C-alpha atoms as a PDB file:
ATOM      1  CA  MET A   1       0.100  -0.062   0.052  1.00  0.00           C
ATOM      2  CA  SER A   2       2.741   2.488   0.989  1.00  0.00           C
ATOM      3  CA  ASP A   3       4.313   1.577  -2.931  1.00  0.00           C
ATOM      4  CA  PHE A   4       1.075   2.467  -4.406  1.00  0.00           C
ATOM      5  CA  GLY A   5       0.524   5.551  -2.235  1.00  0.00           C
ATOM      6  CA  ASP A   6       3.830   6.856  -3.462  1.00  0.00           C
ATOM      7  CA  TRP A   7       3.002   5.883  -7.119  1.00  0.00           C
ATOM      8  CA  TYR A   8      -0.069   7.759  -6.848  1.00  0.00           C
ATOM      9  CA  ARG A   9       1.377  10.494  -5.226  1.00  0.00           C
ATOM     10  CA  SER A  10       3.939  10.717  -7.925  1.00  0.00           C
ATOM     11  CA  VAL A  11       1.168  10.980 -10.854  1.00  0.00           C
ATOM     12  CA  PRO A  12       1.338  14.747 -12.000  1.00  0.00           C
ATOM     13  CA  ARG A  13      -1.752  16.597 -10.456  1.00  0.00           C
ATOM     14  CA  PHE A  14      -4.159  17.121 -13.402  1.00  0.00           C
ATOM     15  CA  THR A  15      -3.270  13.324 -15.039  1.00  0.00           C
ATOM     16  CA  ARG A  16      -3.818  11.780 -11.512  1.00  0.00           C
ATOM     17  CA  ALA A  17      -7.318  14.116 -11.085  1.00  0.00           C
ATOM     18  CA  TRP A  18      -8.481  12.700 -14.728  1.00  0.00           C
ATOM     19  CA  PHE A  19      -7.060   9.378 -13.851  1.00  0.00           C
ATOM     20  CA  THR A  20      -8.788   9.302 -10.314  1.00  0.00           C
ATOM     21  CA  GLY A  21     -12.306  10.508 -11.752  1.00  0.00           C
ATOM     22  CA  THR A  22     -12.451   8.248 -14.453  1.00  0.00           C
ATOM     23  CA  VAL A  23     -11.598   4.926 -12.552  1.00  0.00           C
ATOM     24  CA  ALA A  24     -13.748   6.070  -9.538  1.00  0.00           C
ATOM     25  CA  LEU A  25     -17.011   6.637 -12.142  1.00  0.00           C
ATOM     26  CA  THR A  26     -16.794   3.556 -13.462  1.00  0.00           C
ATOM     27  CA  LEU A  27     -16.608   1.886 -10.704  1.00  0.00           C
ATOM     28  CA  LEU A  28     -19.322   3.515  -8.995  1.00  0.00           C
ATOM     29  CA  GLY A  29     -21.449   2.687 -12.334  1.00  0.00           C
ATOM     30  CA  ARG A  30     -20.334  -1.077 -12.819  1.00  0.00           C
ATOM     31  CA  PHE A  31     -21.393  -1.755  -8.803  1.00  0.00           C
ATOM     32  CA  GLY A  32     -24.780   0.238  -9.504  1.00  0.00           C
ATOM     33  CA  LEU A  33     -24.115   2.803  -6.968  1.00  0.00           C
ATOM     34  CA  ILE A  34     -24.696   5.184  -9.589  1.00  0.00           C
ATOM     35  CA  SER A  35     -26.919   4.738 -12.357  1.00  0.00           C
ATOM     36  CA  PRO A  36     -24.829   4.971 -15.975  1.00  0.00           C
ATOM     37  CA  LEU A  37     -28.098   6.377 -17.095  1.00  0.00           C
ATOM     38  CA  ASN A  38     -26.838   9.791 -15.176  1.00  0.00           C
ATOM     39  CA  LEU A  39     -23.444   9.831 -16.324  1.00  0.00           C
ATOM     40  CA  ILE A  40     -23.692   9.650 -19.789  1.00  0.00           C
ATOM     41  CA  LEU A  41     -24.300  12.176 -22.429  1.00  0.00           C
ATOM     42  CA  LEU A  42     -27.748  13.218 -23.612  1.00  0.00           C
ATOM     43  CA  PHE A  43     -29.368  16.307 -25.260  1.00  0.00           C
ATOM     44  CA  GLU A  44     -32.924  16.384 -23.234  1.00  0.00           C
ATOM     45  CA  PRO A  45     -31.582  15.960 -19.798  1.00  0.00           C
ATOM     46  CA  VAL A  46     -28.895  18.737 -20.504  1.00  0.00           C
ATOM     47  CA  LYS A  47     -31.514  20.865 -21.753  1.00  0.00           C
ATOM     48  CA  ARG A  48     -32.879  20.334 -18.450  1.00  0.00           C
ATOM     49  CA  PHE A  49     -29.812  21.290 -16.737  1.00  0.00           C
ATOM     50  CA  GLN A  50     -28.070  17.998 -15.865  1.00  0.00           C
ATOM     51  CA  ILE A  51     -24.821  19.536 -16.628  1.00  0.00           C
ATOM     52  CA  TRP A  52     -22.723  17.737 -14.470  1.00  0.00           C
ATOM     53  CA  ARG A  53     -22.991  15.034 -17.727  1.00  0.00           C
ATOM     54  CA  LEU A  54     -20.825  17.237 -19.789  1.00  0.00           C
ATOM     55  CA  LEU A  55     -18.219  15.809 -17.217  1.00  0.00           C
ATOM     56  CA  THR A  56     -19.394  12.455 -16.683  1.00  0.00           C
ATOM     57  CA  CYS A  57     -19.589  11.500 -20.241  1.00  0.00           C
ATOM     58  CA  VAL A  58     -15.964  11.944 -20.800  1.00  0.00           C
ATOM     59  CA  LEU A  59     -14.902  10.148 -17.468  1.00  0.00           C
ATOM     60  CA  TYR A  60     -17.611   7.173 -17.363  1.00  0.00           C
ATOM     61  CA  TYR A  61     -16.803   3.930 -19.248  1.00  0.00           C
ATOM     62  CA  PRO A  62     -19.403   0.826 -19.310  1.00  0.00           C
ATOM     63  CA  LEU A  63     -17.605  -1.657 -17.656  1.00  0.00           C
ATOM     64  CA  SER A  64     -18.435  -5.445 -19.309  1.00  0.00           C
ATOM     65  CA  PRO A  65     -16.496  -8.960 -20.072  1.00  0.00           C
ATOM     66  CA  GLN A  66     -16.363  -7.427 -23.535  1.00  0.00           C
ATOM     67  CA  THR A  67     -15.433  -3.879 -22.708  1.00  0.00           C
ATOM     68  CA  GLY A  68     -12.764  -4.548 -19.871  1.00  0.00           C
ATOM     69  CA  PHE A  69      -9.971  -5.124 -21.656  1.00  0.00           C
ATOM     70  CA  HIS A  70     -10.600  -1.808 -24.035  1.00  0.00           C
ATOM     71  CA  TYR A  71     -11.240   0.477 -20.760  1.00  0.00           C
ATOM     72  CA  LEU A  72      -7.681  -0.900 -19.305  1.00  0.00           C
ATOM     73  CA  ILE A  73      -6.447   0.161 -22.437  1.00  0.00           C
ATOM     74  CA  ASN A  74      -7.688   3.215 -22.131  1.00  0.00           C
ATOM     75  CA  LEU A  75      -6.039   3.612 -18.668  1.00  0.00           C
ATOM     76  CA  TYR A  76      -2.874   3.186 -20.198  1.00  0.00           C
ATOM     77  CA  PHE A  77      -3.231   5.812 -22.859  1.00  0.00           C
ATOM     78  CA  LEU A  78      -4.438   8.293 -20.385  1.00  0.00           C
ATOM     79  CA  TYR A  79      -2.019   7.576 -17.468  1.00  0.00           C
ATOM     80  CA  ASN A  80       0.595   7.378 -20.193  1.00  0.00           C
ATOM     81  CA  TYR A  81       0.283  10.387 -22.649  1.00  0.00           C
ATOM     82  CA  SER A  82      -1.124  12.497 -20.331  1.00  0.00           C
ATOM     83  CA  ARG A  83       1.283  12.610 -17.976  1.00  0.00           C
ATOM     84  CA  ARG A  84       3.889  12.729 -20.571  1.00  0.00           C
ATOM     85  CA  LEU A  85       2.363  16.165 -21.652  1.00  0.00           C
ATOM     86  CA  GLU A  86       2.121  17.866 -18.440  1.00  0.00           C
ATOM     87  CA  GLU A  87       5.567  16.968 -16.710  1.00  0.00           C
ATOM     88  CA  GLY A  88       7.011  17.020 -20.414  1.00  0.00           C
ATOM     89  CA  HIS A  89       6.293  20.108 -23.123  1.00  0.00           C
ATOM     90  CA  TYR A  90       3.599  21.810 -20.027  1.00  0.00           C
ATOM     91  CA  GLY A  91       6.107  21.194 -17.195  1.00  0.00           C
ATOM     92  CA  GLY A  92       5.872  24.277 -15.130  1.00  0.00           C
ATOM     93  CA  ARG A  93       2.894  25.434 -16.992  1.00  0.00           C
ATOM     94  CA  PRO A  94      -0.023  23.908 -15.381  1.00  0.00           C
ATOM     95  CA  ALA A  95      -2.575  26.636 -16.371  1.00  0.00           C
ATOM     96  CA  ASP A  96      -1.705  25.988 -20.442  1.00  0.00           C
ATOM     97  CA  TYR A  97      -1.857  22.262 -19.625  1.00  0.00           C
ATOM     98  CA  VAL A  98      -5.350  22.657 -18.092  1.00  0.00           C
ATOM     99  CA  PHE A  99      -6.340  24.898 -21.028  1.00  0.00           C
ATOM    100  CA  MET A 100      -5.522  22.126 -23.298  1.00  0.00           C
ATOM    101  CA  LEU A 101      -7.785  19.973 -21.437  1.00  0.00           C
ATOM    102  CA  ILE A 102     -10.520  22.176 -21.606  1.00  0.00           C
ATOM    103  CA  PHE A 103     -10.487  22.817 -25.152  1.00  0.00           C
ATOM    104  CA  ASN A 104     -10.448  19.198 -26.526  1.00  0.00           C
ATOM    105  CA  TRP A 105     -13.090  18.621 -23.648  1.00  0.00           C
ATOM    106  CA  ILE A 106     -15.603  21.384 -25.009  1.00  0.00           C
ATOM    107  CA  CYS A 107     -14.709  19.872 -28.465  1.00  0.00           C
ATOM    108  CA  CYS A 108     -16.075  16.491 -27.474  1.00  0.00           C
ATOM    109  CA  VAL A 109     -18.503  17.466 -26.021  1.00  0.00           C
ATOM    110  CA  ILE A 110     -20.022  19.699 -29.092  1.00  0.00           C
ATOM    111  CA  ILE A 111     -19.410  17.249 -31.656  1.00  0.00           C
ATOM    112  CA  GLY A 112     -20.780  14.716 -28.609  1.00  0.00           C
ATOM    113  CA  LEU A 113     -24.361  16.693 -28.444  1.00  0.00           C
ATOM    114  CA  VAL A 114     -24.537  17.003 -32.249  1.00  0.00           C
ATOM    115  CA  ALA A 115     -23.447  13.266 -33.747  1.00  0.00           C
ATOM    116  CA  ASP A 116     -25.493  11.843 -30.788  1.00  0.00           C
ATOM    117  CA  MET A 117     -22.344  10.271 -28.927  1.00  0.00           C
ATOM    118  CA  PRO A 118     -23.290   9.751 -25.090  1.00  0.00           C
ATOM    119  CA  LEU A 119     -19.579   8.304 -24.212  1.00  0.00           C
ATOM    120  CA  LEU A 120     -16.867  10.260 -25.133  1.00  0.00           C
ATOM    121  CA  MET A 121     -13.430   8.804 -23.468  1.00  0.00           C
ATOM    122  CA  ASP A 122     -12.395   7.442 -26.364  1.00  0.00           C
ATOM    123  CA  PRO A 123     -12.009  10.814 -28.225  1.00  0.00           C
ATOM    124  CA  MET A 124     -10.864  12.442 -25.264  1.00  0.00           C
ATOM    125  CA  VAL A 125      -8.188  10.305 -24.230  1.00  0.00           C
ATOM    126  CA  LEU A 126      -7.215   9.999 -27.923  1.00  0.00           C
ATOM    127  CA  SER A 127      -7.099  13.385 -28.563  1.00  0.00           C
ATOM    128  CA  VAL A 128      -4.130  14.389 -25.500  1.00  0.00           C
ATOM    129  CA  LEU A 129      -2.515  11.168 -27.484  1.00  0.00           C
ATOM    130  CA  TYR A 130      -2.461  13.103 -30.617  1.00  0.00           C
ATOM    131  CA  ILE A 131      -1.090  16.036 -29.376  1.00  0.00           C
ATOM    132  CA  TRP A 132       1.754  14.381 -27.850  1.00  0.00           C
ATOM    133  CA  CYS A 133       2.434  12.156 -30.910  1.00  0.00           C
ATOM    134  CA  GLN A 134       2.541  15.538 -33.094  1.00  0.00           C
ATOM    135  CA  LEU A 135       4.900  17.239 -30.191  1.00  0.00           C
ATOM    136  CA  ASN A 136       7.196  14.241 -30.403  1.00  0.00           C
ATOM    137  CA  LYS A 137       6.321  12.948 -34.413  1.00  0.00           C
ATOM    138  CA  ASP A 138      10.019  11.360 -34.360  1.00  0.00           C
ATOM    139  CA  VAL A 139      10.270   9.108 -31.573  1.00  0.00           C
ATOM    140  CA  ILE A 140       9.943   6.272 -31.996  1.00  0.00           C
ATOM    141  CA  VAL A 141       7.379   3.702 -30.144  1.00  0.00           C
ATOM    142  CA  THR A 142       6.677  -0.267 -30.215  1.00  0.00           C
ATOM    143  CA  PHE A 143       3.085  -1.671 -31.171  1.00  0.00           C
ATOM    144  CA  TRP A 144       2.257  -4.896 -31.118  1.00  0.00           C
ATOM    145  CA  PHE A 145       4.454  -7.929 -32.087  1.00  0.00           C
ATOM    146  CA  GLY A 146       6.881  -5.651 -31.664  1.00  0.00           C
ATOM    147  CA  THR A 147       6.686  -3.140 -34.831  1.00  0.00           C
ATOM    148  CA  ARG A 148       8.318   0.109 -34.867  1.00  0.00           C
ATOM    149  CA  PHE A 149       7.339   3.403 -36.301  1.00  0.00           C
ATOM    150  CA  LYS A 150       8.173   6.863 -35.845  1.00  0.00           C
ATOM    151  CA  ALA A 151       5.164   8.322 -32.887  1.00  0.00           C
ATOM    152  CA  VAL A 152       3.369  10.510 -35.811  1.00  0.00           C
ATOM    153  CA  PHE A 153       1.563   7.838 -37.492  1.00  0.00           C
ATOM    154  CA  LEU A 154       0.484   6.109 -33.963  1.00  0.00           C
ATOM    155  CA  PRO A 155      -2.786   7.300 -33.814  1.00  0.00           C
ATOM    156  CA  TRP A 156      -3.590   6.069 -37.486  1.00  0.00           C
ATOM    157  CA  VAL A 157      -2.190   2.694 -36.442  1.00  0.00           C
ATOM    158  CA  LEU A 158      -4.799   2.583 -33.583  1.00  0.00           C
ATOM    159  CA  LEU A 159      -7.550   4.025 -36.044  1.00  0.00           C
ATOM    160  CA  GLY A 160      -6.848   1.127 -38.570  1.00  0.00           C
ATOM    161  CA  PHE A 161      -6.055  -1.603 -35.916  1.00  0.00           C
ATOM    162  CA  ASN A 162      -9.339  -0.904 -34.234  1.00  0.00           C
ATOM    163  CA  LEU A 163     -11.324  -0.925 -37.624  1.00  0.00           C
ATOM    164  CA  VAL A 164      -9.861  -4.439 -38.474  1.00  0.00           C
ATOM    165  CA  MET A 165     -10.812  -5.886 -35.547  1.00  0.00           C
ATOM    166  CA  SER A 166     -14.055  -4.608 -34.258  1.00  0.00           C
ATOM    167  CA  GLY A 167     -15.095  -2.535 -37.395  1.00  0.00           C
ATOM    168  CA  GLY A 168     -15.305   0.478 -35.495  1.00  0.00           C
ATOM    169  CA  GLY A 169     -13.339   3.901 -35.922  1.00  0.00           C
ATOM    170  CA  VAL A 170     -15.548   6.351 -35.317  1.00  0.00           C
ATOM    171  CA  MET A 171     -14.600   7.599 -31.688  1.00  0.00           C
ATOM    172  CA  GLU A 172     -10.570   7.260 -32.674  1.00  0.00           C
ATOM    173  CA  LEU A 173     -11.749   9.789 -35.864  1.00  0.00           C
ATOM    174  CA  VAL A 174     -13.090  11.736 -33.210  1.00  0.00           C
ATOM    175  CA  GLY A 175     -10.182  11.996 -31.194  1.00  0.00           C
ATOM    176  CA  ILE A 176      -8.082  12.926 -34.032  1.00  0.00           C
ATOM    177  CA  LEU A 177      -9.700  15.631 -35.433  1.00  0.00           C
ATOM    178  CA  VAL A 178     -10.094  17.307 -31.634  1.00  0.00           C
ATOM    179  CA  GLY A 179      -6.295  16.921 -31.548  1.00  0.00           C
ATOM    180  CA  HIS A 180      -5.475  18.028 -34.621  1.00  0.00           C
ATOM    181  CA  LEU A 181      -7.886  21.186 -34.278  1.00  0.00           C
ATOM    182  CA  TYR A 182      -5.952  21.721 -31.296  1.00  0.00           C
ATOM    183  CA  PHE A 183      -2.264  21.409 -32.473  1.00  0.00           C
ATOM    184  CA  PHE A 184      -3.052  23.408 -35.655  1.00  0.00           C
ATOM    185  CA  LEU A 185      -4.523  26.366 -33.718  1.00  0.00           C
ATOM    186  CA  ALA A 186      -1.790  26.119 -31.091  1.00  0.00           C
ATOM    187  CA  PHE A 187       1.444  25.460 -33.063  1.00  0.00           C
ATOM    188  CA  LYS A 188       1.447  24.878 -36.619  1.00  0.00           C
ATOM    189  CA  TYR A 189      -1.164  28.526 -37.670  1.00  0.00           C
ATOM    190  CA  PRO A 190       1.066  30.693 -35.834  1.00  0.00           C
ATOM    191  CA  GLN A 191       4.234  28.878 -36.381  1.00  0.00           C
ATOM    192  CA  GLU A 192       4.220  27.927 -40.069  1.00  0.00           C
ATOM    193  CA  LEU A 193       1.551  30.144 -41.215  1.00  0.00           C
ATOM    194  CA  GLY A 194       2.467  33.534 -39.635  1.00  0.00           C
ATOM    195  CA  GLY A 195      -0.960  33.752 -37.986  1.00  0.00           C
ATOM    196  CA  PRO A 196      -2.105  35.054 -34.591  1.00  0.00           C
ATOM    197  CA  SER A 197      -2.085  32.856 -32.003  1.00  0.00           C
ATOM    198  CA  LEU A 198      -5.687  32.021 -31.589  1.00  0.00           C
ATOM    199  CA  LEU A 199      -5.658  30.104 -28.411  1.00  0.00           C
ATOM    200  CA  GLN A 200      -4.635  31.848 -25.106  1.00  0.00           C
ATOM    201  CA  THR A 201      -4.755  30.816 -21.568  1.00  0.00           C
ATOM    202  CA  PRO A 202      -7.409  32.822 -19.913  1.00  0.00           C
ATOM    203  CA  ALA A 203      -5.979  34.933 -17.058  1.00  0.00           C
ATOM    204  CA  PHE A 204      -7.964  33.456 -14.067  1.00  0.00           C
ATOM    205  CA  LEU A 205      -6.453  30.333 -15.030  1.00  0.00           C
ATOM    206  CA  LYS A 206      -2.941  31.861 -14.964  1.00  0.00           C
ATOM    207  CA  GLN A 207      -4.109  33.241 -11.248  1.00  0.00           C
ATOM    208  CA  TRP A 208      -4.959  29.802 -10.289  1.00  0.00           C
ATOM    209  CA  PHE A 209      -2.348  27.684 -11.284  1.00  0.00           C
ATOM    210  CA  PRO A 210       0.528  29.377 -11.178  1.00  0.00           C
ATOM    211  CA  ASP A 211       3.788  29.073 -13.350  1.00  0.00           C
ATOM    212  CA  GLU A 212       5.956  26.902 -11.393  1.00  0.00           C
ATOM    213  CA  ILE A 213       9.758  28.142 -11.049  1.00  0.00           C
ATOM    214  CA  GLY A 214      11.585  26.778 -14.086  1.00  0.00           C
ATOM    215  CA  GLY A 215       8.728  26.012 -16.133  1.00  0.00           C
ATOM    216  CA  VAL A 216       8.171  27.207 -19.772  1.00  0.00           C
ATOM    217  CA  HIS A 217       6.477  30.444 -19.607  1.00  0.00           C
ATOM    218  CA  GLY A 218       3.962  31.526 -22.105  1.00  0.00           C
ATOM    219  CA  PHE A 219       1.435  29.847 -24.252  1.00  0.00           C
ATOM    220  CA  GLY A 220       1.475  28.143 -27.881  1.00  0.00           C
ATOM    221  CA  VAL A 221       5.347  27.336 -27.887  1.00  0.00           C
ATOM    222  CA  PRO A 222       6.177  25.262 -30.800  1.00  0.00           C
ATOM    223  CA  PRO A 223       7.541  21.904 -31.170  1.00  0.00           C
ATOM    224  CA  GLU A 224      11.737  22.333 -31.233  1.00  0.00           C
ATOM    225  CA  ARG A 225      12.675  22.752 -35.150  1.00  0.00           C
ATOM    226  CA  PRO A 226      15.822  19.829 -36.443  1.00  0.00           C
ATOM    227  CA  PRO A 227      18.604  21.833 -37.330  1.00  0.00           C
ATOM    228  CA  GLY A 228      18.316  23.002 -40.954  1.00  0.00           C
ATOM    229  CA  VAL A 229      14.350  22.810 -41.466  1.00  0.00           C
ATOM    230  CA  PRO A 230      13.404  25.853 -43.000  1.00  0.00           C
ATOM    231  CA  ARG A 231      10.422  27.779 -41.294  1.00  0.00           C
ATOM    232  CA  GLY A 232       8.227  26.941 -44.019  1.00  0.00           C
ATOM    233  CA  ALA A 233       8.674  23.070 -43.625  1.00  0.00           C
ATOM    234  CA  GLY A 234       5.285  21.229 -42.322  1.00  0.00           C
ATOM    235  CA  ILE A 235       5.463  19.939 -38.734  1.00  0.00           C
ATOM    236  CA  PHE A 236       1.837  18.341 -39.057  1.00  0.00           C
ATOM    237  CA  ARG A 237       0.935  14.924 -40.744  1.00  0.00           C
ATOM    238  CA  GLY A 238      -1.412  12.797 -40.725  1.00  0.00           C
ATOM    239  CA  GLY A 239      -8.937   3.854 -31.514  1.00  0.00           C
ATOM    240  CA  HIS A 240      -6.744   2.881 -29.880  1.00  0.00           C
ATOM    241  CA  ASN A 241      -8.906  -0.410 -28.780  1.00  0.00           C
ATOM    242  CA  TRP A 242      -5.929  -3.101 -29.168  1.00  0.00           C
ATOM    243  CA  GLY A 243      -3.117  -1.310 -29.276  1.00  0.00           C
ATOM    244  CA  GLN A 244       0.162   0.589 -27.018  1.00  0.00           C
ATOM    245  CA  GLY A 245       2.509   2.614 -27.773  1.00  0.00           C
ATOM    246  CA  HIS A 246       5.968   2.149 -25.514  1.00  0.00           C
ATOM    247  CA  VAL A 247       8.839   5.155 -25.922  1.00  0.00           C
ATOM    248  CA  LEU A 248      11.670   2.881 -26.595  1.00  0.00           C
ATOM    249  CA  GLY A 249      14.259   3.834 -23.856  1.00  0.00           C
ATOM    250  CA  GLY A 250      11.394   5.666 -21.527  1.00  0.00           C
ATOM    251  CA  ASN A 251      10.507   4.959 -18.593  1.00  0.00           C
END
């Protein structure tokens, strides 16, 4: 238990909160302590001011013998890639990381309401994974059976694998779309196309979660360009039911 407590406290706070909320709501729904019908995204109840559904729909996942493995894979991606983003690119800038999560969450909820998608854990997790892959596009990751490829291709590999294995893919496409939108507005548009920064972390978030000493200040800092690559070179290239990515040599 002490080892578990040490591990739990070592997880960065927003990844820890997201992970904890997902596990707690899923188990509460699984054992009938909360009705799952009160946790999913439905338009009519939201119109009746059941606004908690806007949040619980990205945290809750229905557990069953058929979905249990997929849920565990979701938890792995959530923990692994959210932690890497929070400790890596957004290290020392908690407000900017929270704003990224809020932006992705709002986009997922809007698409969910329009497309009648009551469960949004998959696209929310994949959107964060997608952003990490774009910021670390040349990192080599491994997939099932030892296959290796650059991280930029991981979301598409997960999409294709899920499409073949279960005939799905819609959730992965939504996650890729949301992650694509954030990455384009936060990095590619202001850096590559010379446009204004359209995503600015609100001042109240900076007040609630001030930058930490030693962190990179400011929002929308583009990923570092390799030496010799001109400014005009593009950095953006174009789910996850069964695969998993591991950075070689990482933790």
